[in-house]
Every structure is written in structure tokens, then in C-alpha cells.
Amino acid sequence: MEFLTNALVLAHLVGMACIVGGWISLRARGVESGAGLSVVVWGARFQLLTGLALVGIHESQKDPLNHAKIGVKLAVAVACSACAEMAAARARRGEGDSRLIDYAGVLGILNAAVATLWETEAADAT
């Protein structure tokens, strides 16, 4: 089970890297669509799915979880994914909106910040 958890953490980190890296790439090139946008969309999908899978694994093992933190991360991940999906849909229609791409990128960074900066009860106990 530990290998599966570590593999999911790796996929979760790759998803975050795709969101932020794709967003930076799009901003640097000034492009509103194409491969960079697809990378952001798939990264957001990976973040959402692997995050849910990680919570499910930890819940099944009765690990103590900070549900408030998980709720905030879920809300941010859903918002990031929604912005990426809407940006991709608008780009397919030729109505590119760089604000949605920017929102997705910033929300991806915010989700990483919540994950790393929000201390859990277990960390407070040590």
C-alpha cells in the first residue's frame, strides 16, 4: 500500500508541475491555446483525481487527517480544474481568455501553498 501511496503522491506532484509549468509556458509565449493549455487541463485533472485517491487511501487506513485542510484543497482544486476546462473550451471556440488561464495557474500555486504551509495537528504535536 505504501508503494501505491507514493506513486499517487508522485502523480499529484506531476499534476501540480503541469499546471504551473504549462501556465508559465503559456504566459512566456503569449499563446492562449495549444499544447500548453492542454498540459494545464490534464494537470488539473490529475491533481483532482490523485488528491481524492490519496484521501481515500488514508481514510481506509484510519490515518488521522485534517478535514478542514482537505476541504480547502478540494475547493481550490475544483476551481483550478474548472478554470482550466473553461479556458480550453473557450480556446476551442476561438474565444481565448487569458484570465482563466491565469486563475488556473494561481490556483495551482495556492493549492501547493495550502499543502505545504498549513500545519496539521500531527505536526503541532511534535
N, C-alpha and C. Protein backbone atom coordinates (compact mmCIF):
# COMPACT_ATOMS: atom_id res chain seq x y z
N MET A 1 0.83 -1.19 0.00
CA MET A 1 0.00 0.00 0.00
C MET A 1 0.87 1.26 0.00
N GLU A 2 2.05 1.15 0.62
CA GLU A 2 2.94 2.30 0.68
C GLU A 2 3.42 2.69 -0.72
N PHE A 3 3.70 1.71 -1.56
CA PHE A 3 4.12 1.99 -2.93
C PHE A 3 3.03 2.73 -3.69
N LEU A 4 1.78 2.29 -3.54
CA LEU A 4 0.66 2.95 -4.21
C LEU A 4 0.52 4.39 -3.74
N THR A 5 0.63 4.60 -2.45
CA THR A 5 0.54 5.96 -1.90
C THR A 5 1.65 6.83 -2.47
N ASN A 6 2.87 6.31 -2.49
CA ASN A 6 3.99 7.09 -3.03
C ASN A 6 3.82 7.37 -4.52
N ALA A 7 3.30 6.41 -5.27
CA ALA A 7 3.06 6.61 -6.70
C ALA A 7 1.99 7.69 -6.91
N LEU A 8 0.96 7.70 -6.07
CA LEU A 8 -0.08 8.72 -6.18
C LEU A 8 0.46 10.10 -5.80
N VAL A 9 1.32 10.16 -4.79
CA VAL A 9 1.94 11.44 -4.42
C VAL A 9 2.78 11.96 -5.59
N LEU A 10 3.52 11.06 -6.23
CA LEU A 10 4.31 11.45 -7.39
C LEU A 10 3.41 12.00 -8.51
N ALA A 11 2.33 11.30 -8.81
CA ALA A 11 1.39 11.76 -9.84
C ALA A 11 0.76 13.10 -9.45
N HIS A 12 0.49 13.28 -8.16
CA HIS A 12 -0.08 14.53 -7.66
C HIS A 12 0.91 15.68 -7.89
N LEU A 13 2.18 15.44 -7.61
CA LEU A 13 3.21 16.46 -7.82
C LEU A 13 3.41 16.75 -9.30
N VAL A 14 3.35 15.73 -10.13
CA VAL A 14 3.46 15.93 -11.58
C VAL A 14 2.29 16.77 -12.08
N GLY A 15 1.09 16.52 -11.54
CA GLY A 15 -0.07 17.33 -11.91
C GLY A 15 0.13 18.79 -11.57
N MET A 16 0.66 19.06 -10.38
CA MET A 16 0.93 20.44 -9.99
C MET A 16 1.98 21.06 -10.90
N ALA A 17 3.01 20.30 -11.23
CA ALA A 17 4.05 20.80 -12.12
C ALA A 17 3.48 21.12 -13.51
N CYS A 18 2.55 20.31 -13.97
CA CYS A 18 1.92 20.56 -15.28
C CYS A 18 1.09 21.83 -15.25
N ILE A 19 0.35 22.04 -14.16
CA ILE A 19 -0.47 23.25 -14.06
C ILE A 19 0.42 24.48 -14.09
N VAL A 20 1.38 24.53 -13.19
CA VAL A 20 2.22 25.71 -13.05
C VAL A 20 3.17 25.86 -14.24
N GLY A 21 3.79 24.77 -14.66
CA GLY A 21 4.70 24.84 -15.81
C GLY A 21 3.99 25.20 -17.10
N GLY A 22 2.82 24.60 -17.32
CA GLY A 22 2.05 24.94 -18.51
C GLY A 22 1.60 26.39 -18.51
N TRP A 23 1.19 26.87 -17.34
CA TRP A 23 0.76 28.26 -17.22
C TRP A 23 1.92 29.21 -17.49
N ILE A 24 3.08 28.94 -16.91
CA ILE A 24 4.25 29.78 -17.14
C ILE A 24 4.65 29.75 -18.62
N SER A 25 4.58 28.59 -19.22
CA SER A 25 4.89 28.46 -20.64
C SER A 25 3.93 29.28 -21.50
N LEU A 26 2.65 29.21 -21.18
CA LEU A 26 1.66 29.99 -21.92
C LEU A 26 1.89 31.49 -21.76
N ARG A 27 2.20 31.91 -20.56
CA ARG A 27 2.44 33.33 -20.31
C ARG A 27 3.70 33.79 -21.03
N ALA A 28 4.74 32.96 -21.04
CA ALA A 28 6.01 33.35 -21.66
C ALA A 28 5.88 33.47 -23.18
N ARG A 29 5.09 32.58 -23.78
CA ARG A 29 4.94 32.59 -25.23
C ARG A 29 3.81 33.49 -25.69
N GLY A 30 2.95 33.90 -24.77
CA GLY A 30 1.82 34.73 -25.15
C GLY A 30 0.79 33.99 -25.97
N VAL A 31 0.73 32.68 -25.79
CA VAL A 31 -0.20 31.84 -26.56
C VAL A 31 -1.39 31.50 -25.68
N GLU A 32 -2.59 31.54 -26.25
CA GLU A 32 -3.81 31.28 -25.50
C GLU A 32 -4.32 29.85 -25.66
N SER A 33 -3.74 29.09 -26.54
CA SER A 33 -4.22 27.73 -26.77
C SER A 33 -3.04 26.84 -27.14
N GLY A 34 -3.33 25.62 -27.47
CA GLY A 34 -2.29 24.72 -27.92
C GLY A 34 -1.86 23.75 -26.85
N ALA A 35 -0.64 23.25 -27.00
CA ALA A 35 -0.14 22.20 -26.12
C ALA A 35 -0.05 22.67 -24.68
N GLY A 36 0.35 23.91 -24.44
CA GLY A 36 0.47 24.41 -23.08
C GLY A 36 -0.85 24.39 -22.34
N LEU A 37 -1.92 24.75 -23.02
CA LEU A 37 -3.23 24.74 -22.39
C LEU A 37 -3.69 23.32 -22.09
N SER A 38 -3.40 22.41 -22.99
CA SER A 38 -3.73 21.01 -22.77
C SER A 38 -3.00 20.45 -21.56
N VAL A 39 -1.75 20.86 -21.38
CA VAL A 39 -0.96 20.42 -20.23
C VAL A 39 -1.59 20.92 -18.94
N VAL A 40 -2.04 22.17 -18.92
CA VAL A 40 -2.69 22.73 -17.73
C VAL A 40 -3.98 21.97 -17.42
N VAL A 41 -4.77 21.69 -18.43
CA VAL A 41 -6.04 20.98 -18.22
C VAL A 41 -5.79 19.59 -17.66
N TRP A 42 -4.88 18.84 -18.25
CA TRP A 42 -4.62 17.49 -17.77
C TRP A 42 -3.95 17.51 -16.40
N GLY A 43 -3.12 18.50 -16.14
CA GLY A 43 -2.52 18.62 -14.82
C GLY A 43 -3.58 18.87 -13.75
N ALA A 44 -4.56 19.72 -14.06
CA ALA A 44 -5.64 19.99 -13.10
C ALA A 44 -6.48 18.74 -12.86
N ARG A 45 -6.73 17.99 -13.91
CA ARG A 45 -7.48 16.74 -13.75
C ARG A 45 -6.71 15.75 -12.87
N PHE A 46 -5.40 15.63 -13.12
CA PHE A 46 -4.56 14.73 -12.32
C PHE A 46 -4.55 15.15 -10.86
N GLN A 47 -4.43 16.45 -10.62
CA GLN A 47 -4.42 16.94 -9.24
C GLN A 47 -5.69 16.54 -8.51
N LEU A 48 -6.81 16.74 -9.16
CA LEU A 48 -8.09 16.45 -8.53
C LEU A 48 -8.25 14.95 -8.26
N LEU A 49 -7.98 14.14 -9.25
CA LEU A 49 -8.18 12.70 -9.11
C LEU A 49 -7.19 12.05 -8.15
N THR A 50 -5.92 12.43 -8.24
CA THR A 50 -4.94 11.83 -7.34
C THR A 50 -5.14 12.31 -5.91
N GLY A 51 -5.57 13.54 -5.74
CA GLY A 51 -5.87 14.04 -4.39
C GLY A 51 -7.00 13.26 -3.75
N LEU A 52 -8.05 13.02 -4.51
CA LEU A 52 -9.17 12.23 -3.98
C LEU A 52 -8.73 10.81 -3.65
N ALA A 53 -7.91 10.23 -4.52
CA ALA A 53 -7.42 8.87 -4.27
C ALA A 53 -6.55 8.82 -3.02
N LEU A 54 -5.71 9.81 -2.81
CA LEU A 54 -4.86 9.85 -1.62
C LEU A 54 -5.69 9.96 -0.35
N VAL A 55 -6.70 10.80 -0.37
CA VAL A 55 -7.57 10.92 0.80
C VAL A 55 -8.28 9.60 1.05
N GLY A 56 -8.75 8.96 -0.01
CA GLY A 56 -9.42 7.67 0.15
C GLY A 56 -8.52 6.62 0.77
N ILE A 57 -7.28 6.58 0.33
CA ILE A 57 -6.34 5.60 0.89
C ILE A 57 -6.09 5.89 2.37
N HIS A 58 -5.86 7.15 2.70
CA HIS A 58 -5.59 7.49 4.10
C HIS A 58 -6.82 7.24 4.99
N GLU A 59 -7.99 7.51 4.46
CA GLU A 59 -9.22 7.23 5.23
C GLU A 59 -9.39 5.74 5.45
N SER A 60 -9.10 4.95 4.44
CA SER A 60 -9.26 3.50 4.57
C SER A 60 -8.28 2.90 5.58
N GLN A 61 -7.15 3.56 5.77
CA GLN A 61 -6.15 3.09 6.72
C GLN A 61 -6.33 3.72 8.10
N LYS A 62 -7.41 4.50 8.24
CA LYS A 62 -7.71 5.16 9.52
C LYS A 62 -6.61 6.13 9.95
N ASP A 63 -5.91 6.72 8.99
CA ASP A 63 -4.89 7.72 9.30
C ASP A 63 -5.58 9.01 9.74
N PRO A 64 -5.02 9.72 10.72
CA PRO A 64 -5.63 11.00 11.12
C PRO A 64 -5.44 12.03 10.01
N LEU A 65 -6.52 12.67 9.63
CA LEU A 65 -6.49 13.67 8.56
C LEU A 65 -7.06 14.99 9.07
N ASN A 66 -6.57 16.07 8.51
CA ASN A 66 -7.11 17.39 8.79
C ASN A 66 -8.18 17.66 7.72
N HIS A 67 -9.43 17.43 8.07
CA HIS A 67 -10.50 17.52 7.08
C HIS A 67 -10.75 18.96 6.62
N ALA A 68 -10.46 19.93 7.46
CA ALA A 68 -10.60 21.32 7.02
C ALA A 68 -9.60 21.62 5.91
N LYS A 69 -8.38 21.17 6.08
CA LYS A 69 -7.35 21.38 5.05
C LYS A 69 -7.73 20.65 3.77
N ILE A 70 -8.21 19.44 3.90
CA ILE A 70 -8.61 18.67 2.72
C ILE A 70 -9.77 19.36 2.00
N GLY A 71 -10.71 19.90 2.77
CA GLY A 71 -11.84 20.62 2.16
C GLY A 71 -11.39 21.85 1.39
N VAL A 72 -10.46 22.60 1.96
CA VAL A 72 -9.94 23.79 1.28
C VAL A 72 -9.19 23.38 0.01
N LYS A 73 -8.34 22.34 0.12
CA LYS A 73 -7.62 21.88 -1.06
C LYS A 73 -8.56 21.37 -2.14
N LEU A 74 -9.62 20.69 -1.74
CA LEU A 74 -10.60 20.21 -2.72
C LEU A 74 -11.29 21.37 -3.42
N ALA A 75 -11.69 22.38 -2.67
CA ALA A 75 -12.35 23.54 -3.27
C ALA A 75 -11.41 24.25 -4.24
N VAL A 76 -10.16 24.41 -3.86
CA VAL A 76 -9.19 25.07 -4.74
C VAL A 76 -8.94 24.22 -5.99
N ALA A 77 -8.83 22.90 -5.80
CA ALA A 77 -8.58 22.01 -6.95
C ALA A 77 -9.75 22.02 -7.93
N VAL A 78 -10.96 22.02 -7.41
CA VAL A 78 -12.15 22.07 -8.28
C VAL A 78 -12.18 23.40 -9.04
N ALA A 79 -11.88 24.51 -8.34
CA ALA A 79 -11.87 25.81 -9.00
C ALA A 79 -10.78 25.88 -10.07
N CYS A 80 -9.61 25.34 -9.77
CA CYS A 80 -8.50 25.31 -10.73
C CYS A 80 -8.89 24.49 -11.96
N SER A 81 -9.46 23.32 -11.73
CA SER A 81 -9.87 22.46 -12.82
C SER A 81 -10.96 23.13 -13.67
N ALA A 82 -11.91 23.78 -13.01
CA ALA A 82 -12.98 24.47 -13.73
C ALA A 82 -12.43 25.59 -14.61
N CYS A 83 -11.50 26.36 -14.07
CA CYS A 83 -10.90 27.45 -14.86
C CYS A 83 -10.14 26.89 -16.06
N ALA A 84 -9.39 25.82 -15.84
CA ALA A 84 -8.64 25.22 -16.95
C ALA A 84 -9.58 24.66 -18.01
N GLU A 85 -10.62 23.98 -17.58
CA GLU A 85 -11.58 23.41 -18.54
C GLU A 85 -12.30 24.51 -19.32
N MET A 86 -12.71 25.59 -18.63
CA MET A 86 -13.39 26.69 -19.32
C MET A 86 -12.45 27.40 -20.29
N ALA A 87 -11.18 27.56 -19.90
CA ALA A 87 -10.21 28.19 -20.80
C ALA A 87 -10.01 27.35 -22.05
N ALA A 88 -9.95 26.03 -21.88
CA ALA A 88 -9.79 25.14 -23.03
C ALA A 88 -11.02 25.18 -23.94
N ALA A 89 -12.20 25.19 -23.34
CA ALA A 89 -13.43 25.25 -24.14
C ALA A 89 -13.51 26.55 -24.93
N ARG A 90 -13.15 27.66 -24.28
CA ARG A 90 -13.17 28.94 -24.98
C ARG A 90 -12.11 28.99 -26.08
N ALA A 91 -10.95 28.40 -25.83
CA ALA A 91 -9.90 28.37 -26.86
C ALA A 91 -10.35 27.56 -28.07
N ARG A 92 -11.07 26.45 -27.83
CA ARG A 92 -11.57 25.64 -28.96
C ARG A 92 -12.57 26.43 -29.80
N ARG A 93 -13.32 27.32 -29.17
CA ARG A 93 -14.28 28.15 -29.90
C ARG A 93 -13.64 29.41 -30.48
N GLY A 94 -12.35 29.60 -30.21
CA GLY A 94 -11.66 30.79 -30.70
C GLY A 94 -11.88 32.02 -29.85
N GLU A 95 -12.34 31.82 -28.62
CA GLU A 95 -12.61 32.94 -27.71
C GLU A 95 -11.62 32.90 -26.55
N GLY A 96 -10.34 32.78 -26.82
CA GLY A 96 -9.34 32.65 -25.76
C GLY A 96 -9.47 33.72 -24.70
N ASP A 97 -9.36 33.32 -23.43
CA ASP A 97 -9.47 34.23 -22.30
C ASP A 97 -8.28 33.96 -21.38
N SER A 98 -7.29 34.83 -21.42
CA SER A 98 -6.06 34.59 -20.65
C SER A 98 -6.31 34.70 -19.15
N ARG A 99 -7.36 35.38 -18.74
CA ARG A 99 -7.65 35.48 -17.30
C ARG A 99 -7.93 34.12 -16.70
N LEU A 100 -8.67 33.28 -17.40
CA LEU A 100 -8.97 31.94 -16.88
C LEU A 100 -7.71 31.10 -16.74
N ILE A 101 -6.79 31.23 -17.69
CA ILE A 101 -5.53 30.50 -17.61
C ILE A 101 -4.73 31.01 -16.41
N ASP A 102 -4.73 32.32 -16.22
CA ASP A 102 -4.03 32.90 -15.07
C ASP A 102 -4.64 32.42 -13.76
N TYR A 103 -5.97 32.38 -13.70
CA TYR A 103 -6.63 31.90 -12.49
C TYR A 103 -6.25 30.45 -12.20
N ALA A 104 -6.23 29.62 -13.23
CA ALA A 104 -5.85 28.21 -13.03
C ALA A 104 -4.42 28.10 -12.52
N GLY A 105 -3.51 28.85 -13.08
CA GLY A 105 -2.12 28.82 -12.62
C GLY A 105 -1.96 29.29 -11.19
N VAL A 106 -2.60 30.39 -10.85
CA VAL A 106 -2.51 30.91 -9.49
C VAL A 106 -3.17 29.95 -8.50
N LEU A 107 -4.30 29.35 -8.88
CA LEU A 107 -4.95 28.38 -8.00
C LEU A 107 -4.09 27.13 -7.82
N GLY A 108 -3.35 26.74 -8.84
CA GLY A 108 -2.42 25.61 -8.71
C GLY A 108 -1.33 25.93 -7.69
N ILE A 109 -0.80 27.15 -7.73
CA ILE A 109 0.21 27.57 -6.75
C ILE A 109 -0.42 27.66 -5.36
N LEU A 110 -1.64 28.19 -5.28
CA LEU A 110 -2.33 28.29 -3.99
C LEU A 110 -2.52 26.91 -3.37
N ASN A 111 -2.88 25.93 -4.19
CA ASN A 111 -3.08 24.58 -3.67
C ASN A 111 -1.77 24.00 -3.13
N ALA A 112 -0.67 24.26 -3.80
CA ALA A 112 0.63 23.81 -3.30
C ALA A 112 0.98 24.53 -2.00
N ALA A 113 0.64 25.81 -1.93
CA ALA A 113 0.91 26.57 -0.70
C ALA A 113 0.09 26.04 0.47
N VAL A 114 -1.18 25.73 0.24
CA VAL A 114 -2.02 25.17 1.30
C VAL A 114 -1.45 23.84 1.76
N ALA A 115 -1.02 23.02 0.82
CA ALA A 115 -0.47 21.71 1.16
C ALA A 115 0.78 21.82 2.02
N THR A 116 1.62 22.79 1.73
CA THR A 116 2.90 22.86 2.43
C THR A 116 2.90 23.78 3.64
N LEU A 117 2.10 24.82 3.62
CA LEU A 117 2.16 25.81 4.69
C LEU A 117 1.13 25.61 5.80
N TRP A 118 0.06 24.89 5.52
CA TRP A 118 -0.96 24.63 6.53
C TRP A 118 -0.49 23.46 7.39
N GLU A 119 -0.15 23.76 8.61
CA GLU A 119 0.34 22.71 9.51
C GLU A 119 -0.82 21.88 10.04
N THR A 120 -0.59 20.60 10.13
CA THR A 120 -1.62 19.68 10.65
C THR A 120 -1.44 19.48 12.14
N GLU A 121 -2.44 18.88 12.76
CA GLU A 121 -2.39 18.61 14.20
C GLU A 121 -1.21 17.72 14.55
N ALA A 122 -0.89 16.76 13.68
CA ALA A 122 0.22 15.84 13.96
C ALA A 122 1.54 16.60 14.00
N ALA A 123 1.70 17.60 13.14
CA ALA A 123 2.93 18.38 13.14
C ALA A 123 3.00 19.28 14.38
N ASP A 124 1.84 19.75 14.86
CA ASP A 124 1.81 20.59 16.05
C ASP A 124 2.18 19.81 17.29
N ALA A 125 1.91 18.51 17.30
CA ALA A 125 2.16 17.68 18.48
C ALA A 125 3.64 17.41 18.69
N THR A 126 4.45 17.55 17.63
CA THR A 126 5.88 17.24 17.77
C THR A 126 6.69 18.44 18.17
